[in-house]
Amino acid sequence: MLYRDSDLPFNDEINLTREVLQDEEQLPYDQETFDAVLSSLSMHWINDLPSLLAQINNVLKPDAPFLAAMFGGDTLFELRTSLQLADTERRGGVSPHVSPLADVRDVGGLLQKAGFKMLTVDIDDIIVDYPDTFALMQDLQAMGESNAILGREAGAIKRDVLLANEGIYRELHGNEDGTIPATFRMIYMIGWKEGPNQSEPLARGSGQVNIKDILGGGTVG
């Protein structure tokens, strides 16, 4: 995918270098190399997130931004809960089928610990409707988001568990039109590497404008 558009004309108009890292948890770059670092939907695969964030801060130039979007929190909570119940019902125990994900409450602290300033963290729940759980799992596989937990049970999920999961999922989370929802929680984050001329947030209570006046709120008709 990285080299998909390498023959298009824009490659001759900008100074562009493509590089595939063998280990995305180890950044082989010198300190203060980049004007910006962006990450799109890959950081949920990182095992040592605090270390990677510290490395990203290290390779950024002073007052340079880090922007990222990652899956987190309640992503696929419907599938997680229904598979757990299906496992318990059919096998008498639970095997991990969905990878653990960082919570939005942790992300701000991790960015701050890594040395980033002027943090912005936000979330967006994107709900996608599928005809059934089998279509959902096929889509996850096509996205490259199959279960990769080291402690997972080897082999495919048993047929009886999949059938039980389908019924439980529909009973707990199904839509009235017969489809099933799957929640993807997106965590967006922006952090800036500290720099000598960096803007500082104003002291709490020093604001001169009431946000109610901007939003036109304050009363209910």
N, C-alpha and C. Protein backbone atom coordinates (compact mmCIF):
# COMPACT_ATOMS: atom_id res chain seq x y z
N MET A 1 0.82 -1.21 0.00
CA MET A 1 0.00 0.00 0.00
C MET A 1 0.86 1.26 0.00
N LEU A 2 2.02 1.19 0.65
CA LEU A 2 2.88 2.37 0.72
C LEU A 2 3.35 2.81 -0.66
N TYR A 3 3.57 1.85 -1.54
CA TYR A 3 4.09 2.16 -2.87
C TYR A 3 3.00 2.15 -3.95
N ARG A 4 1.73 2.11 -3.52
CA ARG A 4 0.63 2.01 -4.48
C ARG A 4 0.62 3.15 -5.49
N ASP A 5 0.89 4.40 -5.04
CA ASP A 5 0.79 5.57 -5.91
C ASP A 5 2.16 6.14 -6.27
N SER A 6 3.19 5.32 -6.19
CA SER A 6 4.55 5.84 -6.40
C SER A 6 4.80 6.31 -7.83
N ASP A 7 3.95 5.91 -8.78
CA ASP A 7 4.16 6.31 -10.16
C ASP A 7 3.32 7.52 -10.57
N LEU A 8 2.55 8.09 -9.64
CA LEU A 8 1.71 9.24 -9.97
C LEU A 8 2.55 10.52 -10.02
N PRO A 9 2.08 11.53 -10.77
CA PRO A 9 2.88 12.75 -10.99
C PRO A 9 3.28 13.51 -9.72
N PHE A 10 2.47 13.44 -8.66
CA PHE A 10 2.79 14.25 -7.48
C PHE A 10 4.12 13.83 -6.85
N ASN A 11 4.58 12.62 -7.15
CA ASN A 11 5.86 12.17 -6.59
C ASN A 11 7.04 12.99 -7.10
N ASP A 12 6.89 13.60 -8.29
CA ASP A 12 7.96 14.42 -8.86
C ASP A 12 7.90 15.86 -8.37
N GLU A 13 6.82 16.22 -7.66
CA GLU A 13 6.62 17.60 -7.25
C GLU A 13 7.02 17.86 -5.81
N ILE A 14 7.19 16.81 -5.03
CA ILE A 14 7.57 16.97 -3.63
C ILE A 14 8.71 16.01 -3.30
N ASN A 15 9.46 16.36 -2.28
CA ASN A 15 10.56 15.50 -1.83
C ASN A 15 9.99 14.44 -0.90
N LEU A 16 9.78 13.25 -1.41
CA LEU A 16 9.06 12.20 -0.68
C LEU A 16 9.92 10.95 -0.56
N THR A 17 10.04 10.47 0.67
CA THR A 17 10.77 9.22 0.92
C THR A 17 9.83 8.21 1.56
N ARG A 18 9.79 7.02 1.00
CA ARG A 18 8.96 5.95 1.56
C ARG A 18 9.85 4.94 2.27
N GLU A 19 9.40 4.52 3.46
CA GLU A 19 10.20 3.55 4.21
C GLU A 19 9.27 2.69 5.06
N VAL A 20 9.44 1.39 4.99
CA VAL A 20 8.68 0.45 5.81
C VAL A 20 9.56 0.01 6.97
N LEU A 21 9.08 0.23 8.19
CA LEU A 21 9.85 -0.15 9.38
C LEU A 21 9.64 -1.64 9.68
N GLN A 22 10.72 -2.30 10.04
CA GLN A 22 10.62 -3.71 10.41
C GLN A 22 9.96 -3.88 11.77
N ASP A 23 10.12 -2.90 12.64
CA ASP A 23 9.54 -2.95 13.98
C ASP A 23 9.01 -1.56 14.30
N GLU A 24 7.68 -1.41 14.27
CA GLU A 24 7.11 -0.08 14.46
C GLU A 24 7.18 0.38 15.93
N GLU A 25 7.67 -0.48 16.81
CA GLU A 25 7.85 -0.05 18.20
C GLU A 25 9.24 0.52 18.44
N GLN A 26 10.12 0.46 17.43
CA GLN A 26 11.47 1.01 17.54
C GLN A 26 11.68 1.97 16.38
N LEU A 27 11.78 3.28 16.67
CA LEU A 27 11.93 4.29 15.62
C LEU A 27 13.42 4.57 15.38
N PRO A 28 13.94 4.23 14.20
CA PRO A 28 15.38 4.34 13.94
C PRO A 28 15.78 5.72 13.40
N TYR A 29 15.34 6.77 14.09
CA TYR A 29 15.61 8.12 13.61
C TYR A 29 16.32 8.94 14.68
N ASP A 30 17.08 9.94 14.22
CA ASP A 30 17.82 10.79 15.14
C ASP A 30 16.89 11.76 15.86
N GLN A 31 17.36 12.30 16.96
CA GLN A 31 16.60 13.27 17.74
C GLN A 31 16.32 14.51 16.89
N GLU A 32 15.11 15.04 17.04
CA GLU A 32 14.68 16.28 16.37
C GLU A 32 14.84 16.19 14.85
N THR A 33 14.27 15.11 14.28
CA THR A 33 14.35 14.88 12.84
C THR A 33 13.14 15.44 12.08
N PHE A 34 11.94 15.33 12.67
CA PHE A 34 10.71 15.57 11.90
C PHE A 34 9.98 16.84 12.34
N ASP A 35 9.30 17.46 11.34
CA ASP A 35 8.45 18.63 11.59
C ASP A 35 7.08 18.22 12.12
N ALA A 36 6.70 16.98 11.90
CA ALA A 36 5.42 16.47 12.39
C ALA A 36 5.44 14.95 12.30
N VAL A 37 4.68 14.31 13.17
CA VAL A 37 4.48 12.86 13.12
C VAL A 37 2.99 12.59 13.16
N LEU A 38 2.51 11.75 12.24
CA LEU A 38 1.09 11.39 12.17
C LEU A 38 0.96 9.88 12.23
N SER A 39 -0.07 9.41 12.91
CA SER A 39 -0.34 7.98 12.99
C SER A 39 -1.83 7.75 12.77
N SER A 40 -2.16 6.88 11.83
CA SER A 40 -3.56 6.62 11.50
C SER A 40 -3.88 5.15 11.67
N LEU A 41 -4.62 4.84 12.75
CA LEU A 41 -5.17 3.51 12.99
C LEU A 41 -4.14 2.39 13.01
N SER A 42 -3.01 2.64 13.67
CA SER A 42 -2.02 1.57 13.84
C SER A 42 -1.56 1.44 15.29
N MET A 43 -1.76 2.47 16.11
CA MET A 43 -1.18 2.46 17.45
C MET A 43 -1.88 1.49 18.39
N HIS A 44 -3.07 1.00 18.05
CA HIS A 44 -3.72 0.02 18.92
C HIS A 44 -3.03 -1.33 18.86
N TRP A 45 -2.08 -1.51 17.91
CA TRP A 45 -1.31 -2.74 17.84
C TRP A 45 -0.02 -2.65 18.66
N ILE A 46 0.29 -1.49 19.20
CA ILE A 46 1.54 -1.30 19.93
C ILE A 46 1.43 -1.90 21.33
N ASN A 47 2.40 -2.71 21.72
CA ASN A 47 2.39 -3.32 23.05
C ASN A 47 2.87 -2.33 24.12
N ASP A 48 3.94 -1.59 23.83
CA ASP A 48 4.51 -0.65 24.79
C ASP A 48 4.24 0.76 24.32
N LEU A 49 3.01 1.23 24.54
CA LEU A 49 2.60 2.54 24.06
C LEU A 49 3.38 3.68 24.73
N PRO A 50 3.65 3.65 26.04
CA PRO A 50 4.44 4.73 26.65
C PRO A 50 5.81 4.89 26.01
N SER A 51 6.49 3.79 25.69
CA SER A 51 7.81 3.86 25.08
C SER A 51 7.73 4.48 23.69
N LEU A 52 6.74 4.06 22.88
CA LEU A 52 6.62 4.60 21.53
C LEU A 52 6.33 6.09 21.56
N LEU A 53 5.45 6.54 22.45
CA LEU A 53 5.14 7.97 22.53
C LEU A 53 6.38 8.78 22.92
N ALA A 54 7.18 8.24 23.82
CA ALA A 54 8.42 8.92 24.20
C ALA A 54 9.38 9.00 23.01
N GLN A 55 9.44 7.93 22.20
CA GLN A 55 10.30 7.95 21.02
C GLN A 55 9.80 8.96 20.00
N ILE A 56 8.49 9.06 19.82
CA ILE A 56 7.93 10.04 18.89
C ILE A 56 8.28 11.44 19.34
N ASN A 57 8.15 11.71 20.64
CA ASN A 57 8.51 13.03 21.16
C ASN A 57 9.98 13.32 20.91
N ASN A 58 10.81 12.31 21.00
CA ASN A 58 12.25 12.49 20.82
C ASN A 58 12.63 12.85 19.39
N VAL A 59 11.93 12.26 18.39
CA VAL A 59 12.30 12.51 16.99
C VAL A 59 11.65 13.77 16.43
N LEU A 60 10.75 14.40 17.17
CA LEU A 60 10.13 15.64 16.72
C LEU A 60 11.05 16.83 16.99
N LYS A 61 10.96 17.82 16.10
CA LYS A 61 11.64 19.08 16.34
C LYS A 61 10.89 19.87 17.40
N PRO A 62 11.53 20.83 18.07
CA PRO A 62 10.84 21.64 19.08
C PRO A 62 9.60 22.33 18.50
N ASP A 63 8.53 22.34 19.29
CA ASP A 63 7.26 22.97 18.91
C ASP A 63 6.66 22.32 17.66
N ALA A 64 6.87 21.02 17.49
CA ALA A 64 6.31 20.27 16.36
C ALA A 64 5.17 19.38 16.86
N PRO A 65 4.17 19.12 16.03
CA PRO A 65 2.98 18.40 16.49
C PRO A 65 3.03 16.89 16.23
N PHE A 66 2.33 16.16 17.07
CA PHE A 66 2.04 14.74 16.88
C PHE A 66 0.53 14.60 16.82
N LEU A 67 0.02 14.03 15.73
CA LEU A 67 -1.41 13.82 15.54
C LEU A 67 -1.66 12.34 15.30
N ALA A 68 -2.68 11.80 15.95
CA ALA A 68 -2.94 10.37 15.81
C ALA A 68 -4.42 10.07 15.97
N ALA A 69 -4.83 8.99 15.32
CA ALA A 69 -6.16 8.41 15.52
C ALA A 69 -5.99 6.92 15.74
N MET A 70 -6.66 6.39 16.74
CA MET A 70 -6.52 4.96 17.04
C MET A 70 -7.83 4.41 17.57
N PHE A 71 -8.03 3.10 17.39
CA PHE A 71 -9.16 2.43 18.01
C PHE A 71 -8.90 2.31 19.51
N GLY A 72 -9.94 2.47 20.32
CA GLY A 72 -9.75 2.35 21.75
C GLY A 72 -11.05 2.11 22.48
N GLY A 73 -10.94 2.01 23.79
CA GLY A 73 -12.10 1.97 24.67
C GLY A 73 -13.11 0.90 24.33
N ASP A 74 -14.33 1.33 23.99
CA ASP A 74 -15.45 0.42 23.78
C ASP A 74 -15.55 -0.11 22.36
N THR A 75 -14.48 -0.05 21.59
CA THR A 75 -14.51 -0.60 20.24
C THR A 75 -14.91 -2.08 20.28
N LEU A 76 -15.93 -2.43 19.47
CA LEU A 76 -16.42 -3.80 19.35
C LEU A 76 -16.88 -4.39 20.68
N PHE A 77 -17.42 -3.53 21.56
CA PHE A 77 -17.88 -4.06 22.85
C PHE A 77 -19.02 -5.04 22.66
N GLU A 78 -19.83 -4.87 21.60
CA GLU A 78 -20.93 -5.80 21.34
C GLU A 78 -20.38 -7.20 21.04
N LEU A 79 -19.37 -7.25 20.18
CA LEU A 79 -18.78 -8.55 19.83
C LEU A 79 -18.05 -9.16 21.02
N ARG A 80 -17.38 -8.32 21.79
CA ARG A 80 -16.63 -8.81 22.95
C ARG A 80 -17.56 -9.50 23.95
N THR A 81 -18.65 -8.82 24.29
CA THR A 81 -19.56 -9.37 25.31
C THR A 81 -20.30 -10.61 24.80
N SER A 82 -20.76 -10.59 23.56
CA SER A 82 -21.51 -11.73 23.05
C SER A 82 -20.63 -12.96 22.89
N LEU A 83 -19.36 -12.79 22.49
CA LEU A 83 -18.46 -13.94 22.39
C LEU A 83 -18.13 -14.51 23.76
N GLN A 84 -17.98 -13.65 24.75
CA GLN A 84 -17.73 -14.13 26.11
C GLN A 84 -18.89 -14.98 26.61
N LEU A 85 -20.11 -14.51 26.37
CA LEU A 85 -21.29 -15.26 26.80
C LEU A 85 -21.44 -16.55 26.01
N ALA A 86 -21.13 -16.50 24.72
CA ALA A 86 -21.22 -17.71 23.89
C ALA A 86 -20.20 -18.75 24.34
N ASP A 87 -18.98 -18.30 24.63
CA ASP A 87 -17.95 -19.21 25.13
C ASP A 87 -18.39 -19.86 26.45
N THR A 88 -18.91 -19.03 27.34
CA THR A 88 -19.34 -19.54 28.65
C THR A 88 -20.47 -20.56 28.50
N GLU A 89 -21.41 -20.27 27.61
CA GLU A 89 -22.57 -21.15 27.43
C GLU A 89 -22.19 -22.48 26.79
N ARG A 90 -21.35 -22.45 25.76
CA ARG A 90 -21.05 -23.65 24.99
C ARG A 90 -19.81 -24.40 25.48
N ARG A 91 -18.89 -23.70 26.15
CA ARG A 91 -17.63 -24.34 26.51
C ARG A 91 -17.32 -24.26 28.01
N GLY A 92 -18.10 -23.47 28.75
CA GLY A 92 -17.88 -23.38 30.18
C GLY A 92 -16.71 -22.53 30.60
N GLY A 93 -16.19 -21.71 29.68
CA GLY A 93 -15.06 -20.83 29.98
C GLY A 93 -14.94 -19.75 28.92
N VAL A 94 -13.99 -18.84 29.12
CA VAL A 94 -13.85 -17.70 28.21
C VAL A 94 -12.45 -17.68 27.63
N SER A 95 -12.36 -17.52 26.32
CA SER A 95 -11.08 -17.34 25.63
C SER A 95 -11.06 -15.93 25.03
N PRO A 96 -9.93 -15.20 25.12
CA PRO A 96 -9.89 -13.84 24.60
C PRO A 96 -9.97 -13.83 23.07
N HIS A 97 -10.96 -13.10 22.53
CA HIS A 97 -11.14 -13.02 21.08
C HIS A 97 -10.91 -11.61 20.55
N VAL A 98 -10.97 -10.60 21.43
CA VAL A 98 -10.80 -9.20 21.01
C VAL A 98 -9.64 -8.61 21.80
N SER A 99 -8.70 -7.99 21.10
CA SER A 99 -7.52 -7.45 21.76
C SER A 99 -7.89 -6.34 22.75
N PRO A 100 -7.15 -6.21 23.85
CA PRO A 100 -7.38 -5.10 24.79
C PRO A 100 -7.00 -3.78 24.14
N LEU A 101 -7.73 -2.73 24.48
CA LEU A 101 -7.52 -1.42 23.86
C LEU A 101 -7.37 -0.35 24.93
N ALA A 102 -6.61 0.68 24.61
CA ALA A 102 -6.41 1.79 25.55
C ALA A 102 -7.70 2.57 25.72
N ASP A 103 -7.91 3.09 26.92
CA ASP A 103 -9.07 3.91 27.21
C ASP A 103 -8.72 5.37 27.02
N VAL A 104 -9.72 6.15 26.61
CA VAL A 104 -9.47 7.58 26.37
C VAL A 104 -8.96 8.28 27.63
N ARG A 105 -9.35 7.81 28.80
CA ARG A 105 -8.91 8.43 30.05
C ARG A 105 -7.41 8.23 30.28
N ASP A 106 -6.85 7.19 29.66
CA ASP A 106 -5.42 6.92 29.83
C ASP A 106 -4.55 7.69 28.83
N VAL A 107 -5.12 8.03 27.67
CA VAL A 107 -4.32 8.58 26.58
C VAL A 107 -3.70 9.92 26.97
N GLY A 108 -4.50 10.81 27.58
CA GLY A 108 -3.97 12.11 27.98
C GLY A 108 -2.79 11.98 28.94
N GLY A 109 -2.91 11.06 29.89
CA GLY A 109 -1.83 10.85 30.85
C GLY A 109 -0.58 10.30 30.19
N LEU A 110 -0.76 9.40 29.21
CA LEU A 110 0.38 8.83 28.51
C LEU A 110 1.10 9.90 27.68
N LEU A 111 0.33 10.77 27.01
CA LEU A 111 0.93 11.84 26.23
C LEU A 111 1.71 12.80 27.13
N GLN A 112 1.10 13.13 28.25
CA GLN A 112 1.76 14.05 29.19
C GLN A 112 3.04 13.44 29.75
N LYS A 113 2.98 12.16 30.08
CA LYS A 113 4.15 11.47 30.62
C LYS A 113 5.28 11.40 29.59
N ALA A 114 4.91 11.33 28.30
CA ALA A 114 5.90 11.26 27.23
C ALA A 114 6.52 12.62 26.92
N GLY A 115 6.01 13.69 27.55
CA GLY A 115 6.60 15.01 27.38
C GLY A 115 5.85 15.95 26.46
N PHE A 116 4.67 15.55 25.98
CA PHE A 116 3.91 16.41 25.08
C PHE A 116 3.19 17.52 25.84
N LYS A 117 3.02 18.67 25.17
CA LYS A 117 2.36 19.82 25.75
C LYS A 117 1.11 20.17 24.93
N MET A 118 0.29 21.06 25.47
CA MET A 118 -0.92 21.55 24.80
C MET A 118 -1.73 20.40 24.20
N LEU A 119 -2.15 19.49 25.05
CA LEU A 119 -2.80 18.27 24.61
C LEU A 119 -4.25 18.50 24.21
N THR A 120 -4.68 17.77 23.21
CA THR A 120 -6.09 17.71 22.82
C THR A 120 -6.43 16.24 22.59
N VAL A 121 -7.43 15.73 23.31
CA VAL A 121 -7.86 14.34 23.15
C VAL A 121 -9.38 14.33 22.99
N ASP A 122 -9.87 13.62 22.00
CA ASP A 122 -11.31 13.57 21.75
C ASP A 122 -11.68 12.17 21.29
N ILE A 123 -12.97 11.86 21.32
CA ILE A 123 -13.44 10.55 20.88
C ILE A 123 -14.62 10.71 19.92
N ASP A 124 -14.83 9.68 19.12
CA ASP A 124 -15.97 9.64 18.21
C ASP A 124 -16.38 8.19 18.05
N ASP A 125 -17.61 7.88 18.38
CA ASP A 125 -18.12 6.52 18.22
C ASP A 125 -18.76 6.38 16.84
N ILE A 126 -18.16 5.52 16.01
CA ILE A 126 -18.69 5.25 14.67
C ILE A 126 -19.38 3.89 14.70
N ILE A 127 -20.68 3.87 14.43
CA ILE A 127 -21.46 2.63 14.49
C ILE A 127 -21.78 2.18 13.08
N VAL A 128 -21.36 0.96 12.76
CA VAL A 128 -21.57 0.38 11.43
C VAL A 128 -22.54 -0.79 11.57
N ASP A 129 -23.57 -0.82 10.74
CA ASP A 129 -24.55 -1.90 10.77
C ASP A 129 -24.17 -3.01 9.79
N TYR A 130 -24.28 -4.25 10.25
CA TYR A 130 -23.96 -5.42 9.43
C TYR A 130 -25.17 -6.35 9.36
N PRO A 131 -25.27 -7.15 8.30
CA PRO A 131 -26.39 -8.09 8.23
C PRO A 131 -26.34 -9.18 9.28
N ASP A 132 -25.11 -9.60 9.67
CA ASP A 132 -24.97 -10.63 10.70
C ASP A 132 -23.53 -10.60 11.22
N THR A 133 -23.26 -11.40 12.25
CA THR A 133 -21.92 -11.41 12.86
C THR A 133 -20.87 -11.99 11.93
N PHE A 134 -21.28 -12.86 11.02
CA PHE A 134 -20.32 -13.45 10.10
C PHE A 134 -19.79 -12.41 9.11
N ALA A 135 -20.66 -11.50 8.67
CA ALA A 135 -20.22 -10.41 7.80
C ALA A 135 -19.29 -9.46 8.56
N LEU A 136 -19.60 -9.23 9.83
CA LEU A 136 -18.74 -8.38 10.66
C LEU A 136 -17.34 -8.98 10.77
N MET A 137 -17.26 -10.27 11.06
CA MET A 137 -15.96 -10.91 11.23
C MET A 137 -15.18 -10.95 9.92
N GLN A 138 -15.87 -11.15 8.80
CA GLN A 138 -15.20 -11.11 7.51
C GLN A 138 -14.64 -9.73 7.23
N ASP A 139 -15.38 -8.71 7.60
CA ASP A 139 -14.92 -7.33 7.41
C ASP A 139 -13.70 -7.05 8.27
N LEU A 140 -13.72 -7.50 9.52
CA LEU A 140 -12.57 -7.30 10.40
C LEU A 140 -11.33 -8.00 9.85
N GLN A 141 -11.50 -9.19 9.29
CA GLN A 141 -10.38 -9.91 8.70
C GLN A 141 -9.83 -9.16 7.50
N ALA A 142 -10.73 -8.61 6.66
CA ALA A 142 -10.30 -7.85 5.49
C ALA A 142 -9.59 -6.55 5.88
N MET A 143 -9.92 -6.01 7.05
CA MET A 143 -9.28 -4.80 7.56
C MET A 143 -7.91 -5.09 8.17
N GLY A 144 -7.56 -6.36 8.30
CA GLY A 144 -6.32 -6.73 8.98
C GLY A 144 -6.44 -6.61 10.48
N GLU A 145 -7.66 -6.74 11.00
CA GLU A 145 -7.90 -6.56 12.43
C GLU A 145 -8.30 -7.87 13.11
N SER A 146 -7.77 -8.98 12.62
CA SER A 146 -8.04 -10.26 13.27
C SER A 146 -7.36 -10.33 14.63
N ASN A 147 -7.85 -11.24 15.45
CA ASN A 147 -7.32 -11.41 16.79
C ASN A 147 -5.85 -11.82 16.74
N ALA A 148 -4.98 -11.07 17.43
CA ALA A 148 -3.55 -11.38 17.43
C ALA A 148 -3.00 -11.49 18.84
N ILE A 149 -3.86 -11.73 19.83
CA ILE A 149 -3.42 -11.87 21.21
C ILE A 149 -2.54 -13.12 21.34
N LEU A 150 -1.38 -12.96 22.00
CA LEU A 150 -0.47 -14.09 22.15
C LEU A 150 -1.11 -15.23 22.92
N GLY A 151 -1.98 -14.90 23.89
CA GLY A 151 -2.59 -15.93 24.71
C GLY A 151 -3.88 -16.49 24.16
N ARG A 152 -4.17 -16.19 22.89
CA ARG A 152 -5.43 -16.67 22.32
C ARG A 152 -5.35 -18.18 22.06
N GLU A 153 -6.50 -18.79 21.95
CA GLU A 153 -6.57 -20.22 21.65
C GLU A 153 -6.26 -20.44 20.18
N ALA A 154 -5.43 -21.40 19.88
CA ALA A 154 -5.05 -21.67 18.50
C ALA A 154 -6.24 -22.20 17.71
N GLY A 155 -6.28 -21.87 16.43
CA GLY A 155 -7.34 -22.36 15.57
C GLY A 155 -8.53 -21.43 15.51
N ALA A 156 -9.44 -21.75 14.60
CA ALA A 156 -10.63 -20.93 14.40
C ALA A 156 -11.63 -21.13 15.55
N ILE A 157 -12.52 -20.15 15.71
CA ILE A 157 -13.58 -20.28 16.71
C ILE A 157 -14.51 -21.41 16.30
N LYS A 158 -14.91 -22.24 17.26
CA LYS A 158 -15.74 -23.40 16.96
C LYS A 158 -17.11 -22.98 16.42
N ARG A 159 -17.65 -23.81 15.55
CA ARG A 159 -18.92 -23.51 14.89
C ARG A 159 -20.05 -23.28 15.89
N ASP A 160 -20.11 -24.11 16.93
CA ASP A 160 -21.20 -23.96 17.89
C ASP A 160 -21.10 -22.64 18.65
N VAL A 161 -19.87 -22.18 18.90
CA VAL A 161 -19.68 -20.90 19.58
C VAL A 161 -20.10 -19.76 18.66
N LEU A 162 -19.76 -19.86 17.37
CA LEU A 162 -20.14 -18.83 16.41
C LEU A 162 -21.66 -18.72 16.28
N LEU A 163 -22.32 -19.87 16.24
CA LEU A 163 -23.79 -19.86 16.13
C LEU A 163 -24.43 -19.28 17.39
N ALA A 164 -23.88 -19.65 18.55
CA ALA A 164 -24.39 -19.08 19.80
C ALA A 164 -24.14 -17.58 19.85
N ASN A 165 -22.96 -17.16 19.38
CA ASN A 165 -22.62 -15.74 19.36
C ASN A 165 -23.60 -14.95 18.50
N GLU A 166 -23.98 -15.52 17.36
CA GLU A 166 -24.93 -14.85 16.47
C GLU A 166 -26.25 -14.58 17.19
N GLY A 167 -26.77 -15.59 17.88
CA GLY A 167 -28.04 -15.41 18.58
C GLY A 167 -27.94 -14.45 19.75
N ILE A 168 -26.88 -14.56 20.54
CA ILE A 168 -26.70 -13.69 21.70
C ILE A 168 -26.50 -12.24 21.26
N TYR A 169 -25.70 -12.04 20.22
CA TYR A 169 -25.44 -10.69 19.70
C TYR A 169 -26.77 -10.03 19.29
N ARG A 170 -27.59 -10.77 18.55
CA ARG A 170 -28.87 -10.22 18.10
C ARG A 170 -29.79 -9.92 19.28
N GLU A 171 -29.78 -10.80 20.26
CA GLU A 171 -30.67 -10.62 21.42
C GLU A 171 -30.27 -9.41 22.24
N LEU A 172 -28.97 -9.20 22.43
CA LEU A 172 -28.50 -8.10 23.28
C LEU A 172 -28.38 -6.78 22.53
N HIS A 173 -27.99 -6.82 21.27
CA HIS A 173 -27.62 -5.58 20.59
C HIS A 173 -28.33 -5.36 19.25
N GLY A 174 -29.14 -6.32 18.78
CA GLY A 174 -29.69 -6.25 17.43
C GLY A 174 -30.58 -5.04 17.18
N ASN A 175 -30.57 -4.56 15.94
CA ASN A 175 -31.44 -3.45 15.53
C ASN A 175 -32.81 -3.97 15.12
N GLU A 176 -33.78 -3.07 15.11
CA GLU A 176 -35.15 -3.45 14.78
C GLU A 176 -35.27 -3.90 13.32
N ASP A 177 -34.38 -3.42 12.46
CA ASP A 177 -34.48 -3.78 11.04
C ASP A 177 -33.77 -5.10 10.72
N GLY A 178 -33.29 -5.80 11.74
CA GLY A 178 -32.66 -7.10 11.53
C GLY A 178 -31.15 -7.05 11.40
N THR A 179 -30.58 -5.86 11.32
CA THR A 179 -29.13 -5.75 11.25
C THR A 179 -28.54 -5.72 12.66
N ILE A 180 -27.22 -5.80 12.73
CA ILE A 180 -26.55 -5.71 14.02
C ILE A 180 -25.56 -4.55 13.99
N PRO A 181 -25.43 -3.79 15.09
CA PRO A 181 -24.49 -2.67 15.12
C PRO A 181 -23.12 -3.12 15.64
N ALA A 182 -22.08 -2.50 15.11
CA ALA A 182 -20.73 -2.69 15.62
C ALA A 182 -20.13 -1.32 15.88
N THR A 183 -19.69 -1.09 17.11
CA THR A 183 -19.16 0.21 17.50
C THR A 183 -17.64 0.25 17.35
N PHE A 184 -17.16 1.28 16.67
CA PHE A 184 -15.73 1.55 16.56
C PHE A 184 -15.47 2.89 17.24
N ARG A 185 -14.82 2.86 18.40
CA ARG A 185 -14.53 4.10 19.12
C ARG A 185 -13.19 4.65 18.66
N MET A 186 -13.22 5.80 18.05
CA MET A 186 -12.01 6.47 17.58
C MET A 186 -11.52 7.44 18.65
N ILE A 187 -10.24 7.32 19.00
CA ILE A 187 -9.61 8.27 19.90
C ILE A 187 -8.67 9.14 19.07
N TYR A 188 -8.93 10.45 19.09
CA TYR A 188 -8.10 11.40 18.37
C TYR A 188 -7.23 12.14 19.37
N MET A 189 -5.98 12.38 19.02
CA MET A 189 -5.07 13.05 19.95
C MET A 189 -4.13 13.98 19.22
N ILE A 190 -3.84 15.09 19.85
CA ILE A 190 -2.84 16.04 19.35
C ILE A 190 -1.96 16.42 20.53
N GLY A 191 -0.67 16.38 20.34
CA GLY A 191 0.27 16.82 21.36
C GLY A 191 1.43 17.54 20.69
N TRP A 192 1.99 18.50 21.38
CA TRP A 192 3.09 19.29 20.81
C TRP A 192 4.35 19.07 21.62
N LYS A 193 5.47 18.90 20.90
CA LYS A 193 6.74 18.83 21.61
C LYS A 193 7.08 20.20 22.17
N GLU A 194 7.61 20.22 23.36
CA GLU A 194 7.92 21.49 24.02
C GLU A 194 8.97 22.26 23.22
N GLY A 195 8.77 23.57 23.10
CA GLY A 195 9.70 24.43 22.37
C GLY A 195 9.87 25.76 23.07
N PRO A 196 10.95 26.50 22.77
CA PRO A 196 11.24 27.74 23.48
C PRO A 196 10.21 28.84 23.25
N ASN A 197 9.56 28.87 22.09
CA ASN A 197 8.60 29.92 21.78
C ASN A 197 7.17 29.41 21.76
N GLN A 198 6.94 28.31 22.44
CA GLN A 198 5.64 27.68 22.41
C GLN A 198 4.62 28.48 23.21
N SER A 199 3.41 28.57 22.66
CA SER A 199 2.33 29.24 23.39
C SER A 199 1.98 28.45 24.64
N GLU A 200 1.56 29.17 25.66
CA GLU A 200 1.18 28.54 26.92
C GLU A 200 -0.31 28.75 27.16
N PRO A 201 -1.00 27.76 27.72
CA PRO A 201 -2.42 27.97 28.03
C PRO A 201 -2.58 29.03 29.10
N LEU A 202 -3.66 29.80 28.99
CA LEU A 202 -3.93 30.84 29.98
C LEU A 202 -4.29 30.21 31.32
N ALA A 203 -4.04 30.94 32.36
CA ALA A 203 -4.36 30.46 33.71
C ALA A 203 -5.86 30.28 33.86
N ARG A 204 -6.25 29.24 34.62
CA ARG A 204 -7.67 28.97 34.84
C ARG A 204 -8.33 30.19 35.48
N GLY A 205 -9.48 30.56 34.93
CA GLY A 205 -10.23 31.69 35.46
C GLY A 205 -9.88 33.03 34.84
N SER A 206 -8.95 33.04 33.88
CA SER A 206 -8.53 34.30 33.27
C SER A 206 -9.30 34.65 32.01
N GLY A 207 -10.24 33.79 31.61
CA GLY A 207 -11.00 34.05 30.38
C GLY A 207 -11.87 35.29 30.48
N GLN A 208 -12.02 35.97 29.36
CA GLN A 208 -12.80 37.21 29.31
C GLN A 208 -14.13 37.04 28.59
N VAL A 209 -14.36 35.86 28.02
CA VAL A 209 -15.58 35.62 27.24
C VAL A 209 -16.33 34.44 27.85
N ASN A 210 -17.63 34.61 28.04
CA ASN A 210 -18.48 33.55 28.56
C ASN A 210 -18.90 32.65 27.39
N ILE A 211 -18.64 31.35 27.50
CA ILE A 211 -18.96 30.44 26.41
C ILE A 211 -20.46 30.37 26.15
N LYS A 212 -21.27 30.64 27.16
CA LYS A 212 -22.73 30.67 26.96
C LYS A 212 -23.12 31.76 25.97
N ASP A 213 -22.40 32.89 25.99
CA ASP A 213 -22.70 33.97 25.04
C ASP A 213 -22.36 33.55 23.62
N ILE A 214 -21.28 32.74 23.45
CA ILE A 214 -20.91 32.28 22.11
C ILE A 214 -21.90 31.27 21.58
N LEU A 215 -22.31 30.33 22.46
CA LEU A 215 -23.22 29.27 22.03
C LEU A 215 -24.66 29.72 22.02
N GLY A 216 -24.93 30.89 22.61
CA GLY A 216 -26.30 31.38 22.65
C GLY A 216 -27.20 30.60 23.57
N GLY A 217 -26.59 29.96 24.58
CA GLY A 217 -27.38 29.12 25.49
C GLY A 217 -27.66 29.82 26.79
N GLY A 218 -28.01 29.05 27.77
CA GLY A 218 -28.27 29.59 29.11
C GLY A 218 -29.71 29.52 29.52
N THR A 219 -30.64 29.42 28.55
CA THR A 219 -32.05 29.34 28.88
C THR A 219 -32.68 28.21 28.07
N VAL A 220 -33.75 27.70 28.56
CA VAL A 220 -34.48 26.63 27.88
C VAL A 220 -35.90 27.10 27.65
N GLY A 221 -36.31 27.07 26.39
CA GLY A 221 -37.64 27.55 26.06
C GLY A 221 -38.69 26.46 26.21
